[in-house]
Amino acid sequence: MQATNRKPEHRTGKVEDLMFGDYVLLLDGTQRKKPALAQRADANWIALDRPGLDRGQFVHHLQRVQTIRNRIAHFDDDPLPPEDMRDLTSFARQLRDCLR
């Protein structure tokens, strides 16, 4: 599971060492950045074993959270707009619901 852009010597293959964007790459079968990962995305999704969760919606939420996270992590001084806060809250709720 080495989706990351990290240098080979920093790749551990452990889930906890993935970068946020790697989660999207590992689950999005429609992404074109890394075709080999897109081909394996179906198996990755099945492995999550969340049949009640809509994959397209989940991946879309992951992409939105990634965008917001990158904005915060790269020190954007502007406060988060209300729609970003709603998206984060909605995704957190979705995660809580699917993990029950």
Protein backbone atom coordinates (compact mmCIF):
# COMPACT_ATOMS: atom_id res chain seq x y z
CA MET A 1 0.00 0.00 0.00
CA GLN A 2 2.51 2.61 -1.12
CA ALA A 3 0.41 5.36 -2.66
CA THR A 4 2.37 8.17 -1.11
CA ASN A 5 4.60 10.64 -2.90
CA ARG A 6 7.21 10.20 -0.18
CA LYS A 7 10.71 9.09 -1.09
CA PRO A 8 11.04 5.30 -1.24
CA GLU A 9 13.17 5.21 1.89
CA HIS A 10 10.34 6.86 3.87
CA ARG A 11 7.61 4.48 2.68
CA THR A 12 6.71 1.97 5.36
CA GLY A 13 3.63 0.40 3.80
CA LYS A 14 1.70 1.01 7.03
CA VAL A 15 -1.74 2.61 6.86
CA GLU A 16 -0.86 5.00 9.68
CA ASP A 17 1.98 6.43 7.59
CA LEU A 18 -0.16 7.36 4.58
CA MET A 19 -0.71 10.99 3.71
CA PHE A 20 -4.29 12.25 3.48
CA GLY A 21 -4.30 12.32 -0.31
CA ASP A 22 -3.33 8.66 -0.32
CA TYR A 23 -6.70 7.73 1.19
CA VAL A 24 -8.43 9.22 -1.83
CA LEU A 25 -6.07 7.44 -4.24
CA LEU A 26 -6.65 4.10 -2.55
CA LEU A 27 -10.46 4.33 -2.69
CA ASP A 28 -11.26 6.29 -5.85
CA GLY A 29 -11.58 3.94 -8.79
CA THR A 30 -12.14 6.86 -11.16
CA GLN A 31 -8.93 8.75 -10.36
CA ARG A 32 -6.34 8.94 -13.11
CA LYS A 33 -3.29 10.04 -11.14
CA LYS A 34 -2.16 6.47 -10.47
CA PRO A 35 -3.96 3.98 -12.74
CA ALA A 36 -2.60 0.93 -10.90
CA LEU A 37 -4.21 2.18 -7.69
CA ALA A 38 -7.47 2.94 -9.47
CA GLN A 39 -7.59 -0.69 -10.57
CA ARG A 40 -7.18 -1.86 -6.97
CA ALA A 41 -9.61 0.68 -5.52
CA ASP A 42 -12.59 -1.69 -5.84
CA ALA A 43 -10.85 -4.29 -3.68
CA ASN A 44 -9.83 -1.60 -1.18
CA TRP A 45 -13.44 -0.41 -0.95
CA ILE A 46 -14.74 -3.95 -0.45
CA ALA A 47 -12.13 -4.49 2.28
CA LEU A 48 -13.63 -1.59 4.25
CA ASP A 49 -16.81 -3.67 4.55
CA ARG A 50 -19.25 -0.76 4.77
CA PRO A 51 -22.08 -1.84 2.43
CA GLY A 52 -24.41 0.95 3.57
CA LEU A 53 -21.91 3.67 2.68
CA ASP A 54 -22.10 5.30 -0.75
CA ARG A 55 -18.60 5.11 -2.21
CA GLY A 56 -18.92 8.07 -4.57
CA GLN A 57 -20.22 10.30 -1.80
CA PHE A 58 -17.54 9.09 0.61
CA VAL A 59 -14.71 9.75 -1.88
CA HIS A 60 -16.18 13.17 -2.68
CA HIS A 61 -16.22 14.01 1.05
CA LEU A 62 -12.63 12.79 1.39
CA GLN A 63 -11.58 15.07 -1.45
CA ARG A 64 -13.32 18.06 0.16
CA VAL A 65 -11.74 17.34 3.54
CA GLN A 66 -8.35 17.00 1.85
CA THR A 67 -8.76 20.41 0.21
CA ILE A 68 -9.78 22.03 3.50
CA ARG A 69 -7.01 20.24 5.40
CA ASN A 70 -4.39 21.41 2.91
CA ARG A 71 -5.61 24.97 3.23
CA ILE A 72 -5.24 24.84 7.00
CA ALA A 73 -1.95 22.93 6.94
CA HIS A 74 -0.38 25.42 4.56
CA PHE A 75 -1.18 28.33 6.87
CA ASP A 76 -3.98 30.09 5.02
CA ASP A 77 -4.76 33.04 7.30
CA ASP A 78 -8.36 33.40 6.18
CA PRO A 79 -10.99 31.88 8.47
CA LEU A 80 -12.80 28.84 7.14
CA PRO A 81 -16.01 29.76 5.35
CA PRO A 82 -19.24 28.36 6.81
CA GLU A 83 -19.62 25.88 3.92
CA ASP A 84 -16.21 24.35 4.73
CA MET A 85 -17.22 23.96 8.37
CA ARG A 86 -20.48 22.33 7.25
CA ASP A 87 -18.57 19.93 5.00
CA LEU A 88 -16.21 18.95 7.82
CA THR A 89 -19.08 18.47 10.26
CA SER A 90 -21.05 16.44 7.72
CA PHE A 91 -18.11 14.16 7.00
CA ALA A 92 -17.39 13.66 10.71
CA ARG A 93 -21.05 12.69 11.18
CA GLN A 94 -20.86 10.28 8.24
CA LEU A 95 -17.76 8.63 9.73
CA ARG A 96 -19.40 8.27 13.15
CA ASP A 97 -22.52 6.78 11.58
CA CYS A 98 -20.65 4.26 9.42
CA LEU A 99 -18.47 3.08 12.30
CA ARG A 100 -21.38 2.18 14.54
